[in-house]
C-alpha cells in the first residue's frame, strides 16, 4: 500500500510501473513459475521422469555454455538439494542478483531454448504476474516486448506534478487503484481518471459545480477536437450519461482500459493547465 505522504500527494508514487527495474516481489513470482513449471520436474537418477530430467539437464548445459558463458567443466549437477553448490542454486542466485534487464534475457533464453520446456501456459502465467506487478513488459510470442512506454509513464508523472488538489487527489487515486498488486480496482480507476479531468476543467474555468461537458466548453485555447473527445469519454464512463453500454457497466474493465484512461487523462490535465497559464 502507498505511504500516507504518497496517498495525499506530498511525495510521488514511485515505481508505479516497473520499466527499468524488476523488484524482489516480481523476481520471486517469476522464479517460482520457473520452479513449478520446469525445475521441480528434475528428478535424480532412480526417481523416474528420466526424459524430463534429461531435457532439463541439457537446457541447463546450454544456459551454462551460451548464456552464462562459463567453463563446462565447472557445471555441477542440477539438484536443488545441493544448495548453492548445485546448478539449481547457482542459477537461482544469478536470477535474484543480476541486473533487471538480465532477468528478461534469462527468461527469453529459456523461452527460445530448443527443449521448449517453458509452456504456453507458463508464459501466460508469467504475463499475468508481469501485469499484476505493473511491469512495463510482456511476453509477445517468444520475445519480451515493452507495452508501457516511457512516454506513457512520463505523462502520468507530469500530470501528477502539474495538478493541484483536488485534481491530484483523483489522479493519485486512479494510479493507486491501477497499481494495487493485491486488489486492483480498474473500474474505479477509470472513474477517478476522468474525474481528474473534470476537476481540472472546473478549476481553470472557475465553475466549481459544472459537469465536464459544460466546463470543457469554457476552457480557453483547447482545440475543439480535444473537447469533443473528452466529452465522449466522459459520457462513456458516466453512470448518469444515459448511455446503455457505458464502460463502468461492462462486466470486465481491463488493465489496458484503466491504463489508457489514466495516461490520457493525466496528459490532458497537464495540457489544459499549461493552456490556461499561457492564455
C-alpha atoms as a PDB file:
ATOM      1  CA  UNK A   1       0.000   0.000   0.000  1.00  0.00           C
ATOM      2  CA  UNK A   2       1.308   3.528  -0.773  1.00  0.00           C
ATOM      3  CA  UNK A   3       2.541   5.612   2.153  1.00  0.00           C
ATOM      4  CA  UNK A   4       0.440   8.369   3.732  1.00  0.00           C
ATOM      5  CA  UNK A   5       2.577  11.022   2.038  1.00  0.00           C
ATOM      6  CA  UNK A   6       2.071   9.370  -1.342  1.00  0.00           C
ATOM      7  CA  UNK A   7      -1.673   8.940  -0.932  1.00  0.00           C
ATOM      8  CA  UNK A   8      -2.077  12.623  -0.078  1.00  0.00           C
ATOM      9  CA  UNK A   9       0.248  13.973  -2.740  1.00  0.00           C
ATOM     10  CA  UNK A  10       3.188  15.076  -0.579  1.00  0.00           C
ATOM     11  CA  UNK A  11       5.599  12.691  -2.263  1.00  0.00           C
ATOM     12  CA  UNK A  12       5.312  10.946  -5.632  1.00  0.00           C
ATOM     13  CA  UNK A  13       4.197   7.390  -6.127  1.00  0.00           C
ATOM     14  CA  UNK A  14       7.442   5.860  -7.359  1.00  0.00           C
ATOM     15  CA  UNK A  15       7.735   2.599  -9.262  1.00  0.00           C
ATOM     16  CA  UNK A  16       4.080   2.641 -10.235  1.00  0.00           C
ATOM     17  CA  UNK A  17       5.342   0.953 -13.385  1.00  0.00           C
ATOM     18  CA  UNK A  18       8.439  -1.226 -13.381  1.00  0.00           C
ATOM     19  CA  UNK A  19      10.078  -0.035 -16.575  1.00  0.00           C
ATOM     20  CA  UNK A  20      13.763  -0.123 -15.718  1.00  0.00           C
ATOM     21  CA  UNK A  21      13.682  -2.494 -12.807  1.00  0.00           C
ATOM     22  CA  UNK A  22      12.364  -5.796 -11.504  1.00  0.00           C
ATOM     23  CA  UNK A  23      11.676  -5.694  -7.786  1.00  0.00           C
ATOM     24  CA  UNK A  24      12.173  -8.632  -5.457  1.00  0.00           C
ATOM     25  CA  UNK A  25       8.477  -9.475  -5.326  1.00  0.00           C
ATOM     26  CA  UNK A  26       8.274  -9.816  -9.109  1.00  0.00           C
ATOM     27  CA  UNK A  27      11.554 -11.758  -9.323  1.00  0.00           C
ATOM     28  CA  UNK A  28      10.203 -14.160  -6.715  1.00  0.00           C
ATOM     29  CA  UNK A  29       6.983 -14.720  -8.669  1.00  0.00           C
ATOM     30  CA  UNK A  30       8.839 -15.286 -11.954  1.00  0.00           C
ATOM     31  CA  UNK A  31      11.315 -17.693 -10.348  1.00  0.00           C
ATOM     32  CA  UNK A  32       8.503 -19.597  -8.653  1.00  0.00           C
ATOM     33  CA  UNK A  33       6.815 -20.068 -12.022  1.00  0.00           C
ATOM     34  CA  UNK A  34      10.052 -21.456 -13.447  1.00  0.00           C
ATOM     35  CA  UNK A  35      10.377 -23.721 -10.408  1.00  0.00           C
ATOM     36  CA  UNK A  36       6.843 -25.074 -10.559  1.00  0.00           C
ATOM     37  CA  UNK A  37       6.700 -25.445 -14.335  1.00  0.00           C
ATOM     38  CA  UNK A  38      10.259 -26.641 -15.048  1.00  0.00           C
ATOM     39  CA  UNK A  39      12.764 -27.054 -12.214  1.00  0.00           C
ATOM     40  CA  UNK A  40      10.610 -29.252  -9.958  1.00  0.00           C
ATOM     41  CA  UNK A  41      10.405 -31.846 -12.740  1.00  0.00           C
ATOM     42  CA  UNK A  42      14.109 -32.592 -12.384  1.00  0.00           C
ATOM     43  CA  UNK A  43      14.490 -35.905 -10.563  1.00  0.00           C
ATOM     44  CA  UNK A  44      17.792 -37.523  -9.608  1.00  0.00           C
ATOM     45  CA  UNK A  45      18.512 -40.972 -11.087  1.00  0.00           C
ATOM     46  CA  UNK A  46      16.189 -43.649  -9.755  1.00  0.00           C
ATOM     47  CA  UNK A  47      13.236 -41.312  -9.158  1.00  0.00           C
ATOM     48  CA  UNK A  48      11.655 -41.707 -12.580  1.00  0.00           C
ATOM     49  CA  UNK A  49      10.788 -38.937 -15.059  1.00  0.00           C
ATOM     50  CA  UNK A  50      14.139 -39.562 -16.762  1.00  0.00           C
ATOM     51  CA  UNK A  51      13.057 -37.977 -20.062  1.00  0.00           C
ATOM     52  CA  UNK A  52      12.057 -34.641 -18.498  1.00  0.00           C
ATOM     53  CA  UNK A  53      15.151 -34.682 -16.296  1.00  0.00           C
ATOM     54  CA  UNK A  54      17.297 -35.240 -19.383  1.00  0.00           C
ATOM     55  CA  UNK A  55      15.741 -32.233 -21.149  1.00  0.00           C
ATOM     56  CA  UNK A  56      16.248 -30.007 -18.099  1.00  0.00           C
ATOM     57  CA  UNK A  57      19.882 -31.093 -17.755  1.00  0.00           C
ATOM     58  CA  UNK A  58      20.507 -30.373 -21.431  1.00  0.00           C
ATOM     59  CA  UNK A  59      18.875 -26.951 -21.181  1.00  0.00           C
ATOM     60  CA  UNK A  60      20.950 -26.090 -18.104  1.00  0.00           C
ATOM     61  CA  UNK A  61      24.080 -27.111 -20.027  1.00  0.00           C
ATOM     62  CA  UNK A  62      23.100 -24.751 -22.840  1.00  0.00           C
ATOM     63  CA  UNK A  63      22.414 -21.947 -20.341  1.00  0.00           C
ATOM     64  CA  UNK A  64      25.808 -22.562 -18.761  1.00  0.00           C
ATOM     65  CA  UNK A  65      27.595 -22.568 -22.129  1.00  0.00           C
ATOM     66  CA  UNK A  66      25.743 -19.905 -24.149  1.00  0.00           C
ATOM     67  CA  UNK A  67      24.055 -17.600 -21.641  1.00  0.00           C
ATOM     68  CA  UNK A  68      26.379 -17.573 -18.620  1.00  0.00           C
ATOM     69  CA  UNK A  69      29.490 -18.270 -20.738  1.00  0.00           C
ATOM     70  CA  UNK A  70      31.032 -20.445 -18.038  1.00  0.00           C
ATOM     71  CA  UNK A  71      33.500 -23.304 -18.144  1.00  0.00           C
ATOM     72  CA  UNK A  72      31.547 -26.503 -18.775  1.00  0.00           C
ATOM     73  CA  UNK A  73      33.943 -28.424 -16.506  1.00  0.00           C
ATOM     74  CA  UNK A  74      32.657 -26.269 -13.622  1.00  0.00           C
ATOM     75  CA  UNK A  75      29.000 -27.209 -14.177  1.00  0.00           C
ATOM     76  CA  UNK A  76      27.775 -29.156 -11.128  1.00  0.00           C
ATOM     77  CA  UNK A  77      24.766 -31.451 -11.001  1.00  0.00           C
ATOM     78  CA  UNK A  78      21.484 -29.585 -11.118  1.00  0.00           C
ATOM     79  CA  UNK A  79      19.975 -30.989  -7.904  1.00  0.00           C
ATOM     80  CA  UNK A  80      18.234 -28.378  -5.735  1.00  0.00           C
ATOM     81  CA  UNK A  81      19.159 -30.225  -2.544  1.00  0.00           C
ATOM     82  CA  UNK A  82      22.815 -29.365  -3.209  1.00  0.00           C
ATOM     83  CA  UNK A  83      22.103 -25.759  -2.234  1.00  0.00           C
ATOM     84  CA  UNK A  84      24.481 -23.156  -3.635  1.00  0.00           C
ATOM     85  CA  UNK A  85      26.854 -25.906  -4.789  1.00  0.00           C
ATOM     86  CA  UNK A  86      24.336 -27.258  -7.291  1.00  0.00           C
ATOM     87  CA  UNK A  87      23.477 -25.759 -10.678  1.00  0.00           C
ATOM     88  CA  UNK A  88      19.972 -25.006  -9.426  1.00  0.00           C
ATOM     89  CA  UNK A  89      21.337 -22.876  -6.586  1.00  0.00           C
ATOM     90  CA  UNK A  90      23.774 -21.082  -8.893  1.00  0.00           C
ATOM     91  CA  UNK A  91      21.043 -20.217 -11.408  1.00  0.00           C
ATOM     92  CA  UNK A  92      18.747 -19.051  -8.621  1.00  0.00           C
ATOM     93  CA  UNK A  93      21.466 -16.862  -7.121  1.00  0.00           C
ATOM     94  CA  UNK A  94      22.113 -15.350 -10.545  1.00  0.00           C
ATOM     95  CA  UNK A  95      18.409 -14.695 -11.141  1.00  0.00           C
ATOM     96  CA  UNK A  96      17.971 -12.809  -7.862  1.00  0.00           C
ATOM     97  CA  UNK A  97      21.192 -10.780  -8.125  1.00  0.00           C
ATOM     98  CA  UNK A  98      21.503  -9.921 -11.819  1.00  0.00           C
ATOM     99  CA  UNK A  99      20.543  -6.632 -13.462  1.00  0.00           C
ATOM    100  CA  UNK A 100      16.838  -6.116 -14.183  1.00  0.00           C
ATOM    101  CA  UNK A 101      17.307  -6.493 -17.943  1.00  0.00           C
ATOM    102  CA  UNK A 102      19.239  -9.721 -17.424  1.00  0.00           C
ATOM    103  CA  UNK A 103      16.139 -11.200 -15.785  1.00  0.00           C
ATOM    104  CA  UNK A 104      14.305 -10.735 -19.066  1.00  0.00           C
ATOM    105  CA  UNK A 105      17.330 -12.003 -21.039  1.00  0.00           C
ATOM    106  CA  UNK A 106      17.259 -15.155 -18.894  1.00  0.00           C
ATOM    107  CA  UNK A 107      13.546 -15.704 -19.451  1.00  0.00           C
ATOM    108  CA  UNK A 108      13.885 -15.193 -23.201  1.00  0.00           C
ATOM    109  CA  UNK A 109      16.789 -17.649 -23.292  1.00  0.00           C
ATOM    110  CA  UNK A 110      14.622 -20.311 -21.651  1.00  0.00           C
ATOM    111  CA  UNK A 111      11.660 -19.427 -23.844  1.00  0.00           C
ATOM    112  CA  UNK A 112      13.742 -19.863 -27.010  1.00  0.00           C
ATOM    113  CA  UNK A 113      15.592 -22.974 -25.872  1.00  0.00           C
ATOM    114  CA  UNK A 114      15.003 -25.908 -28.202  1.00  0.00           C
ATOM    115  CA  UNK A 115      13.732 -28.014 -25.299  1.00  0.00           C
ATOM    116  CA  UNK A 116      10.554 -25.883 -25.248  1.00  0.00           C
ATOM    117  CA  UNK A 117      10.214 -26.543 -21.538  1.00  0.00           C
ATOM    118  CA  UNK A 118       8.535 -23.181 -20.943  1.00  0.00           C
ATOM    119  CA  UNK A 119       4.982 -23.998 -21.957  1.00  0.00           C
ATOM    120  CA  UNK A 120       2.398 -21.531 -23.318  1.00  0.00           C
ATOM    121  CA  UNK A 121       0.535 -21.916 -20.023  1.00  0.00           C
ATOM    122  CA  UNK A 122       3.631 -20.946 -18.018  1.00  0.00           C
ATOM    123  CA  UNK A 123       4.270 -17.994 -20.329  1.00  0.00           C
ATOM    124  CA  UNK A 124       0.691 -16.798 -19.846  1.00  0.00           C
ATOM    125  CA  UNK A 125       1.133 -17.199 -16.075  1.00  0.00           C
ATOM    126  CA  UNK A 126       4.243 -15.023 -16.267  1.00  0.00           C
ATOM    127  CA  UNK A 127       2.392 -12.397 -18.276  1.00  0.00           C
ATOM    128  CA  UNK A 128      -0.342 -12.333 -15.649  1.00  0.00           C
ATOM    129  CA  UNK A 129       2.233 -11.711 -12.918  1.00  0.00           C
ATOM    130  CA  UNK A 130       4.033  -9.089 -15.016  1.00  0.00           C
ATOM    131  CA  UNK A 131       0.708  -7.282 -15.381  1.00  0.00           C
ATOM    132  CA  UNK A 132      -0.187  -7.645 -11.708  1.00  0.00           C
ATOM    133  CA  UNK A 133       3.166  -6.188 -10.699  1.00  0.00           C
ATOM    134  CA  UNK A 134       2.840  -3.359 -13.238  1.00  0.00           C
ATOM    135  CA  UNK A 135       5.903  -4.371 -15.214  1.00  0.00           C
ATOM    136  CA  UNK A 136       6.287  -2.477 -18.466  1.00  0.00           C
ATOM    137  CA  UNK A 137       6.979  -5.698 -20.386  1.00  0.00           C
ATOM    138  CA  UNK A 138       5.178  -8.842 -21.531  1.00  0.00           C
ATOM    139  CA  UNK A 139       5.945 -11.971 -23.480  1.00  0.00           C
ATOM    140  CA  UNK A 140       4.804 -11.375 -27.045  1.00  0.00           C
ATOM    141  CA  UNK A 141       5.431 -14.605 -28.878  1.00  0.00           C
ATOM    142  CA  UNK A 142       8.926 -15.775 -27.989  1.00  0.00           C
ATOM    143  CA  UNK A 143      10.205 -12.320 -27.068  1.00  0.00           C
ATOM    144  CA  UNK A 144       9.612  -9.908 -24.224  1.00  0.00           C
ATOM    145  CA  UNK A 145       8.311  -6.589 -25.523  1.00  0.00           C
ATOM    146  CA  UNK A 146       7.661  -3.245 -23.880  1.00  0.00           C
ATOM    147  CA  UNK A 147       3.958  -2.496 -23.534  1.00  0.00           C
ATOM    148  CA  UNK A 148       4.141   0.545 -21.234  1.00  0.00           C
ATOM    149  CA  UNK A 149       6.357   3.191 -22.791  1.00  0.00           C
ATOM    150  CA  UNK A 150       8.432   5.882 -21.152  1.00  0.00           C
ATOM    151  CA  UNK A 151       6.124   8.409 -22.793  1.00  0.00           C
ATOM    152  CA  UNK A 152       3.085   6.957 -21.036  1.00  0.00           C
ATOM    153  CA  UNK A 153       4.841   6.910 -17.674  1.00  0.00           C
ATOM    154  CA  UNK A 154       6.052  10.481 -18.140  1.00  0.00           C
ATOM    155  CA  UNK A 155       2.512  11.601 -18.989  1.00  0.00           C
ATOM    156  CA  UNK A 156       1.260  10.248 -15.643  1.00  0.00           C
ATOM    157  CA  UNK A 157       4.174  11.725 -13.714  1.00  0.00           C
ATOM    158  CA  UNK A 158       3.750  15.131 -15.388  1.00  0.00           C
ATOM    159  CA  UNK A 159       0.026  15.091 -14.707  1.00  0.00           C
ATOM    160  CA  UNK A 160       0.662  14.444 -11.020  1.00  0.00           C
ATOM    161  CA  UNK A 161       3.343  17.131 -10.889  1.00  0.00           C
ATOM    162  CA  UNK A 162       1.217  19.746 -12.671  1.00  0.00           C
ATOM    163  CA  UNK A 163      -2.014  19.039 -10.820  1.00  0.00           C
ATOM    164  CA  UNK A 164      -3.333  20.915  -7.820  1.00  0.00           C
ATOM    165  CA  UNK A 165      -5.705  19.466  -5.243  1.00  0.00           C
ATOM    166  CA  UNK A 166      -8.312  18.041  -5.795  1.00  0.00           C
ATOM    167  CA  UNK A 167      -7.134  17.113  -9.315  1.00  0.00           C
ATOM    168  CA  UNK A 168      -4.040  15.395  -7.922  1.00  0.00           C
ATOM    169  CA  UNK A 169      -6.196  13.530  -5.420  1.00  0.00           C
ATOM    170  CA  UNK A 170      -8.169  11.962  -8.280  1.00  0.00           C
ATOM    171  CA  UNK A 171      -5.024  11.088 -10.270  1.00  0.00           C
ATOM    172  CA  UNK A 172      -3.389   9.631  -7.156  1.00  0.00           C
ATOM    173  CA  UNK A 173      -6.470   7.522  -6.513  1.00  0.00           C
ATOM    174  CA  UNK A 174      -6.590   6.322 -10.132  1.00  0.00           C
ATOM    175  CA  UNK A 175      -2.914   5.381 -10.048  1.00  0.00           C
ATOM    176  CA  UNK A 176      -3.226   3.677  -6.665  1.00  0.00           C
ATOM    177  CA  UNK A 177      -6.193   1.586  -7.842  1.00  0.00           C
ATOM    178  CA  UNK A 178      -4.353   0.637 -11.013  1.00  0.00           C
ATOM    179  CA  UNK A 179      -1.114  -0.147  -9.172  1.00  0.00           C
ATOM    180  CA  UNK A 180      -2.553  -2.127  -6.254  1.00  0.00           C
ATOM    181  CA  UNK A 181      -0.936  -5.539  -6.655  1.00  0.00           C
ATOM    182  CA  UNK A 182      -3.243  -7.310  -4.247  1.00  0.00           C
ATOM    183  CA  UNK A 183      -6.645  -5.886  -5.202  1.00  0.00           C
ATOM    184  CA  UNK A 184      -6.546  -3.639  -8.297  1.00  0.00           C
ATOM    185  CA  UNK A 185      -9.760  -1.730  -8.987  1.00  0.00           C
ATOM    186  CA  UNK A 186      -9.753  -0.937 -12.699  1.00  0.00           C
ATOM    187  CA  UNK A 187     -13.358   0.251 -12.858  1.00  0.00           C
ATOM    188  CA  UNK A 188     -12.940   2.891 -10.174  1.00  0.00           C
ATOM    189  CA  UNK A 189      -9.513   3.824 -11.527  1.00  0.00           C
ATOM    190  CA  UNK A 190     -11.245   4.800 -14.774  1.00  0.00           C
ATOM    191  CA  UNK A 191     -13.792   6.889 -12.857  1.00  0.00           C
ATOM    192  CA  UNK A 192     -11.061   8.663 -10.874  1.00  0.00           C
ATOM    193  CA  UNK A 193      -9.093   9.429 -14.044  1.00  0.00           C
ATOM    194  CA  UNK A 194     -11.988  11.154 -15.779  1.00  0.00           C
ATOM    195  CA  UNK A 195     -12.915  12.880 -12.509  1.00  0.00           C
ATOM    196  CA  UNK A 196      -9.417  14.410 -12.511  1.00  0.00           C
ATOM    197  CA  UNK A 197     -10.124  15.981 -15.895  1.00  0.00           C
ATOM    198  CA  UNK A 198     -13.484  17.268 -14.666  1.00  0.00           C
ATOM    199  CA  UNK A 199     -11.882  18.798 -11.566  1.00  0.00           C
ATOM    200  CA  UNK A 200      -9.134  20.408 -13.670  1.00  0.00           C
ATOM    201  CA  UNK A 201     -11.674  21.951 -16.037  1.00  0.00           C
ATOM    202  CA  UNK A 202     -13.680  23.293 -13.100  1.00  0.00           C
ATOM    203  CA  UNK A 203     -10.527  24.898 -11.721  1.00  0.00           C
ATOM    204  CA  UNK A 204      -9.427  26.685 -14.881  1.00  0.00           C
ATOM    205  CA  UNK A 205     -12.943  27.906 -15.704  1.00  0.00           C
ATOM    206  CA  UNK A 206     -13.938  28.902 -12.184  1.00  0.00           C
ATOM    207  CA  UNK A 207     -17.075  26.748 -12.448  1.00  0.00           C
ATOM    208  CA  UNK A 208     -16.957  24.576  -9.302  1.00  0.00           C
ATOM    209  CA  UNK A 209     -20.201  22.696  -9.950  1.00  0.00           C
ATOM    210  CA  UNK A 210     -20.069  22.342 -13.730  1.00  0.00           C
ATOM    211  CA  UNK A 211     -20.107  18.984 -15.455  1.00  0.00           C
ATOM    212  CA  UNK A 212     -17.135  18.125 -17.592  1.00  0.00           C
ATOM    213  CA  UNK A 213     -19.106  18.737 -20.775  1.00  0.00           C
ATOM    214  CA  UNK A 214     -20.140  22.256 -19.680  1.00  0.00           C
ATOM    215  CA  UNK A 215     -16.712  23.143 -18.294  1.00  0.00           C
ATOM    216  CA  UNK A 216     -14.903  21.982 -21.429  1.00  0.00           C
ATOM    217  CA  UNK A 217     -16.884  24.496 -23.490  1.00  0.00           C
ATOM    218  CA  UNK A 218     -15.453  27.298 -21.381  1.00  0.00           C
ATOM    219  CA  UNK A 219     -11.803  26.188 -21.317  1.00  0.00           C
ATOM    220  CA  UNK A 220      -9.826  28.628 -23.440  1.00  0.00           C
ATOM    221  CA  UNK A 221      -7.439  27.670 -26.227  1.00  0.00           C
ATOM    222  CA  UNK A 222      -8.374  23.995 -26.257  1.00  0.00           C
ATOM    223  CA  UNK A 223      -8.831  22.518 -29.690  1.00  0.00           C
ATOM    224  CA  UNK A 224     -12.470  21.567 -30.311  1.00  0.00           C
ATOM    225  CA  UNK A 225     -11.424  18.040 -31.245  1.00  0.00           C
ATOM    226  CA  UNK A 226      -9.892  17.554 -27.776  1.00  0.00           C
ATOM    227  CA  UNK A 227     -13.007  18.895 -26.086  1.00  0.00           C
ATOM    228  CA  UNK A 228     -15.198  16.604 -28.149  1.00  0.00           C
ATOM    229  CA  UNK A 229     -13.006  13.570 -27.440  1.00  0.00           C
ATOM    230  CA  UNK A 230     -13.073  14.040 -23.671  1.00  0.00           C
ATOM    231  CA  UNK A 231     -16.763  14.842 -23.662  1.00  0.00           C
ATOM    232  CA  UNK A 232     -17.340  11.498 -25.348  1.00  0.00           C
ATOM    233  CA  UNK A 233     -15.010   9.722 -22.926  1.00  0.00           C
ATOM    234  CA  UNK A 234     -16.890  11.308 -20.045  1.00  0.00           C
ATOM    235  CA  UNK A 235     -20.175  10.079 -21.471  1.00  0.00           C
ATOM    236  CA  UNK A 236     -18.710   6.646 -21.956  1.00  0.00           C
ATOM    237  CA  UNK A 237     -17.648   6.415 -18.322  1.00  0.00           C
ATOM    238  CA  UNK A 238     -20.556   8.161 -16.626  1.00  0.00           C
ATOM    239  CA  UNK A 239     -23.472   6.408 -14.932  1.00  0.00           C
ATOM    240  CA  UNK A 240     -25.599   9.484 -15.496  1.00  0.00           C
ATOM    241  CA  UNK A 241     -24.833   9.730 -19.194  1.00  0.00           C
ATOM    242  CA  UNK A 242     -27.787   7.657 -20.317  1.00  0.00           C
ATOM    243  CA  UNK A 243     -25.522   5.506 -22.478  1.00  0.00           C
ATOM    244  CA  UNK A 244     -26.746   1.945 -22.236  1.00  0.00           C
ATOM    245  CA  UNK A 245     -23.334   0.277 -22.522  1.00  0.00           C
ATOM    246  CA  UNK A 246     -21.112   2.636 -20.551  1.00  0.00           C
ATOM    247  CA  UNK A 247     -17.617   1.427 -19.728  1.00  0.00           C
ATOM    248  CA  UNK A 248     -18.123   1.179 -15.985  1.00  0.00           C
ATOM    249  CA  UNK A 249     -21.148  -1.072 -16.523  1.00  0.00           C
ATOM    250  CA  UNK A 250     -19.182  -3.554 -18.606  1.00  0.00           C
ATOM    251  CA  UNK A 251     -18.664  -6.864 -16.784  1.00  0.00           C
ATOM    252  CA  UNK A 252     -14.893  -6.585 -17.178  1.00  0.00           C
ATOM    253  CA  UNK A 253     -12.867  -3.398 -17.169  1.00  0.00           C
ATOM    254  CA  UNK A 254      -9.317  -4.401 -18.013  1.00  0.00           C
ATOM    255  CA  UNK A 255      -5.893  -3.188 -17.007  1.00  0.00           C
ATOM    256  CA  UNK A 256      -5.493  -1.839 -20.552  1.00  0.00           C
ATOM    257  CA  UNK A 257      -8.727   0.186 -20.222  1.00  0.00           C
ATOM    258  CA  UNK A 258      -7.667   1.699 -16.913  1.00  0.00           C
ATOM    259  CA  UNK A 259      -4.105   2.411 -18.040  1.00  0.00           C
ATOM    260  CA  UNK A 260      -5.284   4.121 -21.225  1.00  0.00           C
ATOM    261  CA  UNK A 261      -7.674   6.345 -19.283  1.00  0.00           C
ATOM    262  CA  UNK A 262      -5.042   7.275 -16.718  1.00  0.00           C
ATOM    263  CA  UNK A 263      -2.442   8.146 -19.352  1.00  0.00           C
ATOM    264  CA  UNK A 264      -4.907  10.124 -21.482  1.00  0.00           C
ATOM    265  CA  UNK A 265      -6.454  11.994 -18.565  1.00  0.00           C
ATOM    266  CA  UNK A 266      -3.125  12.792 -16.895  1.00  0.00           C
ATOM    267  CA  UNK A 267      -1.791  14.184 -20.180  1.00  0.00           C
ATOM    268  CA  UNK A 268      -4.933  16.272 -20.680  1.00  0.00           C
ATOM    269  CA  UNK A 269      -4.709  17.659 -17.146  1.00  0.00           C
ATOM    270  CA  UNK A 270      -1.197  18.917 -17.919  1.00  0.00           C
ATOM    271  CA  UNK A 271      -2.340  20.262 -21.268  1.00  0.00           C
ATOM    272  CA  UNK A 272      -5.253  22.356 -20.010  1.00  0.00           C
ATOM    273  CA  UNK A 273      -3.247  23.725 -17.096  1.00  0.00           C
ATOM    274  CA  UNK A 274      -0.448  24.878 -19.396  1.00  0.00           C
ATOM    275  CA  UNK A 275      -3.013  26.256 -21.868  1.00  0.00           C
ATOM    276  CA  UNK A 276      -4.725  28.211 -19.077  1.00  0.00           C
ATOM    277  CA  UNK A 277      -1.423  29.608 -17.818  1.00  0.00           C
ATOM    278  CA  UNK A 278      -0.470  30.767 -21.334  1.00  0.00           C
ATOM    279  CA  UNK A 279      -3.890  32.213 -22.175  1.00  0.00           C
END
